[in-house]
């Protein structure tokens, strides 16, 4: 992981009068926006699905929060991503009907997913999730690959926001527009590069008892 102070140094060279705390806070805000929009920060985690329990807590990378599921497998079989509302229409009793898990959806609490329908079997570390993450609000580090691949984009996003703050010694509408426009372009490129695995579902195998 890369310390936020390391990225801050790239911003200070352009706005030396900006306070460290303001830069760090803005960097987290921009990184969160970037990660939600692009799904560029990804990693795989394993978790246990417990019989008769819908909720599965995922362990995020250091300083991370779950954005969404990219793809997932349970006991080696692909799960199809659905919203809870879609599951309500597809399987009205998915919260109480025991069966082999066929779907995955985001839960109602932080870093939580639900495997549906309700599993009748415990799968110890049997759930593998390829997930997209964003920095937590209190993060002090950022993912190494995120910084390696997108530090210029993140820095430009921070500069665009800071230069646009009114009545600051460094305020500059022209520079704010310049950096914000570059940030948006690079953000769109990063989103396109990540789109190949962005929630498009997976080819499913049918197993005994599956839906």
C-alpha atoms as a PDB file:
ATOM      1  CA  UNK A   1       0.000   0.000   0.000  1.00  0.00           C
ATOM      2  CA  UNK A   2       1.092   3.575  -0.689  1.00  0.00           C
ATOM      3  CA  UNK A   3       0.949   6.216   2.042  1.00  0.00           C
ATOM      4  CA  UNK A   4      -1.310   9.156   1.261  1.00  0.00           C
ATOM      5  CA  UNK A   5       1.595  11.431   2.146  1.00  0.00           C
ATOM      6  CA  UNK A   6       3.455  10.062  -0.876  1.00  0.00           C
ATOM      7  CA  UNK A   7       0.692  11.153  -3.243  1.00  0.00           C
ATOM      8  CA  UNK A   8       0.261  14.427  -1.343  1.00  0.00           C
ATOM      9  CA  UNK A   9       3.800  15.385  -2.290  1.00  0.00           C
ATOM     10  CA  UNK A  10       2.749  15.359  -5.965  1.00  0.00           C
ATOM     11  CA  UNK A  11       0.010  17.883  -5.200  1.00  0.00           C
ATOM     12  CA  UNK A  12       2.128  20.166  -3.033  1.00  0.00           C
ATOM     13  CA  UNK A  13       4.483  20.877  -5.918  1.00  0.00           C
ATOM     14  CA  UNK A  14       1.542  22.540  -7.696  1.00  0.00           C
ATOM     15  CA  UNK A  15      -0.181  24.138  -4.670  1.00  0.00           C
ATOM     16  CA  UNK A  16       2.480  24.626  -1.974  1.00  0.00           C
ATOM     17  CA  UNK A  17       0.174  26.806   0.143  1.00  0.00           C
ATOM     18  CA  UNK A  18      -2.550  24.168   0.517  1.00  0.00           C
ATOM     19  CA  UNK A  19      -2.635  22.550   4.000  1.00  0.00           C
ATOM     20  CA  UNK A  20      -1.698  18.882   4.233  1.00  0.00           C
ATOM     21  CA  UNK A  21      -4.994  17.975   5.881  1.00  0.00           C
ATOM     22  CA  UNK A  22      -7.002  19.597   3.088  1.00  0.00           C
ATOM     23  CA  UNK A  23      -4.964  17.825   0.421  1.00  0.00           C
ATOM     24  CA  UNK A  24      -5.350  14.455   2.136  1.00  0.00           C
ATOM     25  CA  UNK A  25      -9.100  14.861   2.579  1.00  0.00           C
ATOM     26  CA  UNK A  26      -9.530  15.944  -1.042  1.00  0.00           C
ATOM     27  CA  UNK A  27      -7.389  13.049  -2.248  1.00  0.00           C
ATOM     28  CA  UNK A  28      -9.598  10.541  -0.443  1.00  0.00           C
ATOM     29  CA  UNK A  29     -12.736  12.145  -1.892  1.00  0.00           C
ATOM     30  CA  UNK A  30     -11.317  12.076  -5.419  1.00  0.00           C
ATOM     31  CA  UNK A  31     -10.032   8.508  -5.055  1.00  0.00           C
ATOM     32  CA  UNK A  32     -13.451   7.356  -3.836  1.00  0.00           C
ATOM     33  CA  UNK A  33     -15.168   9.080  -6.761  1.00  0.00           C
ATOM     34  CA  UNK A  34     -12.663   7.588  -9.196  1.00  0.00           C
ATOM     35  CA  UNK A  35     -12.993   4.040  -7.843  1.00  0.00           C
ATOM     36  CA  UNK A  36     -16.795   4.084  -7.783  1.00  0.00           C
ATOM     37  CA  UNK A  37     -16.928   5.377 -11.354  1.00  0.00           C
ATOM     38  CA  UNK A  38     -14.209   3.198 -12.882  1.00  0.00           C
ATOM     39  CA  UNK A  39     -14.193   0.020 -10.741  1.00  0.00           C
ATOM     40  CA  UNK A  40     -10.416   0.181 -11.275  1.00  0.00           C
ATOM     41  CA  UNK A  41      -9.350  -1.035  -7.819  1.00  0.00           C
ATOM     42  CA  UNK A  42     -10.034  -4.761  -7.798  1.00  0.00           C
ATOM     43  CA  UNK A  43      -8.891  -7.775  -5.863  1.00  0.00           C
ATOM     44  CA  UNK A  44     -10.199 -11.250  -5.017  1.00  0.00           C
ATOM     45  CA  UNK A  45     -11.215 -12.435  -1.556  1.00  0.00           C
ATOM     46  CA  UNK A  46     -12.528 -15.689  -0.128  1.00  0.00           C
ATOM     47  CA  UNK A  47     -15.221 -16.034   2.508  1.00  0.00           C
ATOM     48  CA  UNK A  48     -17.342 -18.662   4.233  1.00  0.00           C
ATOM     49  CA  UNK A  49     -21.001 -19.123   3.377  1.00  0.00           C
ATOM     50  CA  UNK A  50     -22.782 -20.445   6.464  1.00  0.00           C
ATOM     51  CA  UNK A  51     -25.844 -22.653   6.169  1.00  0.00           C
ATOM     52  CA  UNK A  52     -29.133 -20.814   6.808  1.00  0.00           C
ATOM     53  CA  UNK A  53     -27.351 -17.444   6.841  1.00  0.00           C
ATOM     54  CA  UNK A  54     -27.712 -15.012   3.967  1.00  0.00           C
ATOM     55  CA  UNK A  55     -25.133 -12.480   5.034  1.00  0.00           C
ATOM     56  CA  UNK A  56     -21.469 -12.953   4.140  1.00  0.00           C
ATOM     57  CA  UNK A  57     -18.917 -10.434   5.406  1.00  0.00           C
ATOM     58  CA  UNK A  58     -16.039  -9.747   3.032  1.00  0.00           C
ATOM     59  CA  UNK A  59     -12.639  -8.692   4.344  1.00  0.00           C
ATOM     60  CA  UNK A  60     -11.562  -5.654   2.295  1.00  0.00           C
ATOM     61  CA  UNK A  61      -7.987  -4.724   1.469  1.00  0.00           C
ATOM     62  CA  UNK A  62      -6.323  -2.387   3.955  1.00  0.00           C
ATOM     63  CA  UNK A  63      -8.140   0.937   3.947  1.00  0.00           C
ATOM     64  CA  UNK A  64     -10.806  -0.259   1.513  1.00  0.00           C
ATOM     65  CA  UNK A  65     -14.591  -0.508   1.272  1.00  0.00           C
ATOM     66  CA  UNK A  66     -16.680  -2.651  -1.051  1.00  0.00           C
ATOM     67  CA  UNK A  67     -18.056  -0.922  -4.135  1.00  0.00           C
ATOM     68  CA  UNK A  68     -19.531  -3.926  -5.919  1.00  0.00           C
ATOM     69  CA  UNK A  69     -19.061  -7.517  -6.991  1.00  0.00           C
ATOM     70  CA  UNK A  70     -17.381  -8.022 -10.347  1.00  0.00           C
ATOM     71  CA  UNK A  71     -17.800 -11.808 -10.406  1.00  0.00           C
ATOM     72  CA  UNK A  72     -18.091 -14.610  -7.884  1.00  0.00           C
ATOM     73  CA  UNK A  73     -18.047 -18.376  -7.524  1.00  0.00           C
ATOM     74  CA  UNK A  74     -19.416 -20.658  -4.823  1.00  0.00           C
ATOM     75  CA  UNK A  75     -17.763 -24.055  -4.497  1.00  0.00           C
ATOM     76  CA  UNK A  76     -16.314 -23.458  -7.956  1.00  0.00           C
ATOM     77  CA  UNK A  77     -19.639 -22.649  -9.608  1.00  0.00           C
ATOM     78  CA  UNK A  78     -20.221 -19.137 -10.984  1.00  0.00           C
ATOM     79  CA  UNK A  79     -22.836 -16.957  -9.321  1.00  0.00           C
ATOM     80  CA  UNK A  80     -24.931 -14.447 -11.255  1.00  0.00           C
ATOM     81  CA  UNK A  81     -25.049 -10.926  -9.871  1.00  0.00           C
ATOM     82  CA  UNK A  82     -28.509  -9.478  -9.222  1.00  0.00           C
ATOM     83  CA  UNK A  83     -29.934  -6.627  -7.195  1.00  0.00           C
ATOM     84  CA  UNK A  84     -32.097  -7.475  -4.214  1.00  0.00           C
ATOM     85  CA  UNK A  85     -35.082  -6.080  -6.087  1.00  0.00           C
ATOM     86  CA  UNK A  86     -34.397  -8.368  -9.046  1.00  0.00           C
ATOM     87  CA  UNK A  87     -34.174 -11.345  -6.702  1.00  0.00           C
ATOM     88  CA  UNK A  88     -37.515 -10.412  -5.133  1.00  0.00           C
ATOM     89  CA  UNK A  89     -39.106 -10.755  -8.568  1.00  0.00           C
ATOM     90  CA  UNK A  90     -37.124 -13.811  -9.645  1.00  0.00           C
ATOM     91  CA  UNK A  91     -37.327 -15.846  -6.425  1.00  0.00           C
ATOM     92  CA  UNK A  92     -39.837 -14.271  -4.011  1.00  0.00           C
ATOM     93  CA  UNK A  93     -38.734 -16.548  -1.142  1.00  0.00           C
ATOM     94  CA  UNK A  94     -34.986 -16.273  -1.731  1.00  0.00           C
ATOM     95  CA  UNK A  95     -34.403 -15.015   1.821  1.00  0.00           C
ATOM     96  CA  UNK A  96     -35.944 -18.124   3.415  1.00  0.00           C
ATOM     97  CA  UNK A  97     -35.945 -20.802   0.703  1.00  0.00           C
ATOM     98  CA  UNK A  98     -33.018 -23.173   1.218  1.00  0.00           C
ATOM     99  CA  UNK A  99     -31.318 -24.237  -1.977  1.00  0.00           C
ATOM    100  CA  UNK A 100     -27.986 -24.287  -3.731  1.00  0.00           C
ATOM    101  CA  UNK A 101     -26.730 -20.712  -4.087  1.00  0.00           C
ATOM    102  CA  UNK A 102     -27.039 -19.391  -7.626  1.00  0.00           C
ATOM    103  CA  UNK A 103     -26.935 -15.614  -7.201  1.00  0.00           C
ATOM    104  CA  UNK A 104     -25.010 -12.950  -5.349  1.00  0.00           C
ATOM    105  CA  UNK A 105     -26.082  -9.452  -4.363  1.00  0.00           C
ATOM    106  CA  UNK A 106     -24.773  -6.628  -2.214  1.00  0.00           C
ATOM    107  CA  UNK A 107     -25.943  -6.655   1.384  1.00  0.00           C
ATOM    108  CA  UNK A 108     -27.323  -3.864   3.512  1.00  0.00           C
ATOM    109  CA  UNK A 109     -24.218  -3.239   5.593  1.00  0.00           C
ATOM    110  CA  UNK A 110     -20.652  -2.254   4.769  1.00  0.00           C
ATOM    111  CA  UNK A 111     -18.562  -4.920   2.964  1.00  0.00           C
ATOM    112  CA  UNK A 112     -21.429  -7.421   2.984  1.00  0.00           C
ATOM    113  CA  UNK A 113     -22.831  -9.640   0.240  1.00  0.00           C
ATOM    114  CA  UNK A 114     -25.759 -12.053   0.206  1.00  0.00           C
ATOM    115  CA  UNK A 115     -25.695 -15.439  -1.522  1.00  0.00           C
ATOM    116  CA  UNK A 116     -29.149 -16.394  -2.766  1.00  0.00           C
ATOM    117  CA  UNK A 117     -31.239 -18.389  -2.356  1.00  0.00           C
ATOM    118  CA  UNK A 118     -30.519 -19.111   1.302  1.00  0.00           C
ATOM    119  CA  UNK A 119     -27.829 -21.774   1.396  1.00  0.00           C
ATOM    120  CA  UNK A 120     -28.624 -25.107   2.994  1.00  0.00           C
ATOM    121  CA  UNK A 121     -24.907 -25.963   3.162  1.00  0.00           C
ATOM    122  CA  UNK A 122     -21.866 -24.400   4.803  1.00  0.00           C
ATOM    123  CA  UNK A 123     -19.002 -23.711   2.405  1.00  0.00           C
ATOM    124  CA  UNK A 124     -15.873 -22.934   4.410  1.00  0.00           C
ATOM    125  CA  UNK A 125     -13.937 -20.367   2.371  1.00  0.00           C
ATOM    126  CA  UNK A 126     -15.990 -21.653  -0.548  1.00  0.00           C
ATOM    127  CA  UNK A 127     -17.065 -18.230  -1.792  1.00  0.00           C
ATOM    128  CA  UNK A 128     -14.568 -16.438  -4.017  1.00  0.00           C
ATOM    129  CA  UNK A 129     -15.385 -12.857  -4.947  1.00  0.00           C
ATOM    130  CA  UNK A 130     -13.632 -10.630  -7.423  1.00  0.00           C
ATOM    131  CA  UNK A 131     -14.608  -7.256  -6.002  1.00  0.00           C
ATOM    132  CA  UNK A 132     -14.233  -3.583  -6.798  1.00  0.00           C
ATOM    133  CA  UNK A 133     -13.163  -1.384  -3.877  1.00  0.00           C
ATOM    134  CA  UNK A 134     -12.867   2.264  -2.921  1.00  0.00           C
ATOM    135  CA  UNK A 135     -10.810   3.910  -0.161  1.00  0.00           C
ATOM    136  CA  UNK A 136     -12.527   4.214   3.202  1.00  0.00           C
ATOM    137  CA  UNK A 137     -13.099   7.742   4.479  1.00  0.00           C
ATOM    138  CA  UNK A 138     -10.471   7.222   7.170  1.00  0.00           C
ATOM    139  CA  UNK A 139      -7.929   5.527   4.893  1.00  0.00           C
ATOM    140  CA  UNK A 140      -4.295   6.494   5.373  1.00  0.00           C
ATOM    141  CA  UNK A 141      -2.982   4.392   2.486  1.00  0.00           C
ATOM    142  CA  UNK A 142      -4.014   3.714  -1.096  1.00  0.00           C
ATOM    143  CA  UNK A 143      -3.648   0.586  -3.209  1.00  0.00           C
ATOM    144  CA  UNK A 144      -0.236   0.309  -4.881  1.00  0.00           C
ATOM    145  CA  UNK A 145      -1.617  -0.659  -8.281  1.00  0.00           C
ATOM    146  CA  UNK A 146      -4.193   2.119  -8.128  1.00  0.00           C
ATOM    147  CA  UNK A 147      -1.431   4.656  -7.580  1.00  0.00           C
ATOM    148  CA  UNK A 148       0.935   3.048 -10.081  1.00  0.00           C
ATOM    149  CA  UNK A 149      -1.665   3.109 -12.853  1.00  0.00           C
ATOM    150  CA  UNK A 150      -3.692   6.215 -12.041  1.00  0.00           C
ATOM    151  CA  UNK A 151      -1.718   8.616  -9.825  1.00  0.00           C
ATOM    152  CA  UNK A 152      -1.653  11.289 -12.544  1.00  0.00           C
ATOM    153  CA  UNK A 153      -5.432  11.125 -12.888  1.00  0.00           C
ATOM    154  CA  UNK A 154      -6.002  11.299  -9.133  1.00  0.00           C
ATOM    155  CA  UNK A 155      -3.591  14.207  -8.716  1.00  0.00           C
ATOM    156  CA  UNK A 156      -5.323  16.120 -11.501  1.00  0.00           C
ATOM    157  CA  UNK A 157      -8.661  15.496  -9.834  1.00  0.00           C
ATOM    158  CA  UNK A 158      -7.321  16.883  -6.565  1.00  0.00           C
ATOM    159  CA  UNK A 159      -5.797  19.911  -8.312  1.00  0.00           C
ATOM    160  CA  UNK A 160      -9.041  20.606 -10.149  1.00  0.00           C
ATOM    161  CA  UNK A 161     -10.981  20.612  -6.908  1.00  0.00           C
ATOM    162  CA  UNK A 162      -8.453  22.612  -4.884  1.00  0.00           C
ATOM    163  CA  UNK A 163      -7.882  25.284  -7.526  1.00  0.00           C
ATOM    164  CA  UNK A 164     -11.656  25.667  -7.729  1.00  0.00           C
ATOM    165  CA  UNK A 165     -12.088  26.461  -4.028  1.00  0.00           C
ATOM    166  CA  UNK A 166     -13.232  30.077  -3.681  1.00  0.00           C
ATOM    167  CA  UNK A 167     -11.248  32.795  -1.938  1.00  0.00           C
ATOM    168  CA  UNK A 168      -8.079  30.786  -1.321  1.00  0.00           C
ATOM    169  CA  UNK A 169      -4.552  32.131  -1.926  1.00  0.00           C
ATOM    170  CA  UNK A 170      -4.184  29.569  -4.716  1.00  0.00           C
ATOM    171  CA  UNK A 171      -7.671  29.882  -6.290  1.00  0.00           C
ATOM    172  CA  UNK A 172      -7.572  29.787 -10.093  1.00  0.00           C
ATOM    173  CA  UNK A 173     -10.644  29.199 -12.216  1.00  0.00           C
ATOM    174  CA  UNK A 174      -8.543  28.567 -15.296  1.00  0.00           C
ATOM    175  CA  UNK A 175      -6.374  25.931 -13.675  1.00  0.00           C
ATOM    176  CA  UNK A 176      -9.407  24.354 -12.005  1.00  0.00           C
ATOM    177  CA  UNK A 177     -11.124  23.934 -15.392  1.00  0.00           C
ATOM    178  CA  UNK A 178      -7.943  22.595 -17.002  1.00  0.00           C
ATOM    179  CA  UNK A 179      -7.261  19.945 -14.382  1.00  0.00           C
ATOM    180  CA  UNK A 180     -10.920  18.972 -13.968  1.00  0.00           C
ATOM    181  CA  UNK A 181     -11.297  18.420 -17.711  1.00  0.00           C
ATOM    182  CA  UNK A 182      -8.154  16.255 -17.809  1.00  0.00           C
ATOM    183  CA  UNK A 183      -9.364  14.291 -14.774  1.00  0.00           C
ATOM    184  CA  UNK A 184     -12.713  13.544 -16.432  1.00  0.00           C
ATOM    185  CA  UNK A 185     -11.045  12.357 -19.646  1.00  0.00           C
ATOM    186  CA  UNK A 186      -8.631  10.051 -17.833  1.00  0.00           C
ATOM    187  CA  UNK A 187     -11.416   8.811 -15.566  1.00  0.00           C
ATOM    188  CA  UNK A 188     -13.476   7.823 -18.614  1.00  0.00           C
ATOM    189  CA  UNK A 189     -10.480   6.013 -20.121  1.00  0.00           C
ATOM    190  CA  UNK A 190      -9.925   4.089 -16.881  1.00  0.00           C
ATOM    191  CA  UNK A 191     -13.596   3.137 -16.757  1.00  0.00           C
ATOM    192  CA  UNK A 192     -13.444   1.836 -20.318  1.00  0.00           C
ATOM    193  CA  UNK A 193     -10.314  -0.179 -19.544  1.00  0.00           C
ATOM    194  CA  UNK A 194     -12.054  -1.808 -16.577  1.00  0.00           C
ATOM    195  CA  UNK A 195     -15.370  -2.424 -18.314  1.00  0.00           C
ATOM    196  CA  UNK A 196     -14.516  -5.918 -19.583  1.00  0.00           C
ATOM    197  CA  UNK A 197     -15.412  -7.425 -16.199  1.00  0.00           C
ATOM    198  CA  UNK A 198     -17.806  -4.767 -14.958  1.00  0.00           C
ATOM    199  CA  UNK A 199     -20.886  -6.596 -13.656  1.00  0.00           C
ATOM    200  CA  UNK A 200     -21.783  -8.245 -16.936  1.00  0.00           C
ATOM    201  CA  UNK A 201     -22.618 -11.566 -15.342  1.00  0.00           C
ATOM    202  CA  UNK A 202     -20.934 -14.874 -16.012  1.00  0.00           C
ATOM    203  CA  UNK A 203     -21.579 -18.075 -17.873  1.00  0.00           C
ATOM    204  CA  UNK A 204     -23.318 -20.383 -15.428  1.00  0.00           C
ATOM    205  CA  UNK A 205     -22.921 -24.083 -14.871  1.00  0.00           C
ATOM    206  CA  UNK A 206     -26.049 -25.897 -13.768  1.00  0.00           C
ATOM    207  CA  UNK A 207     -25.616 -28.207 -10.808  1.00  0.00           C
ATOM    208  CA  UNK A 208     -28.013 -30.538  -9.037  1.00  0.00           C
ATOM    209  CA  UNK A 209     -30.463 -28.517  -6.991  1.00  0.00           C
ATOM    210  CA  UNK A 210     -29.538 -25.234  -8.719  1.00  0.00           C
ATOM    211  CA  UNK A 211     -31.976 -22.741 -10.157  1.00  0.00           C
END
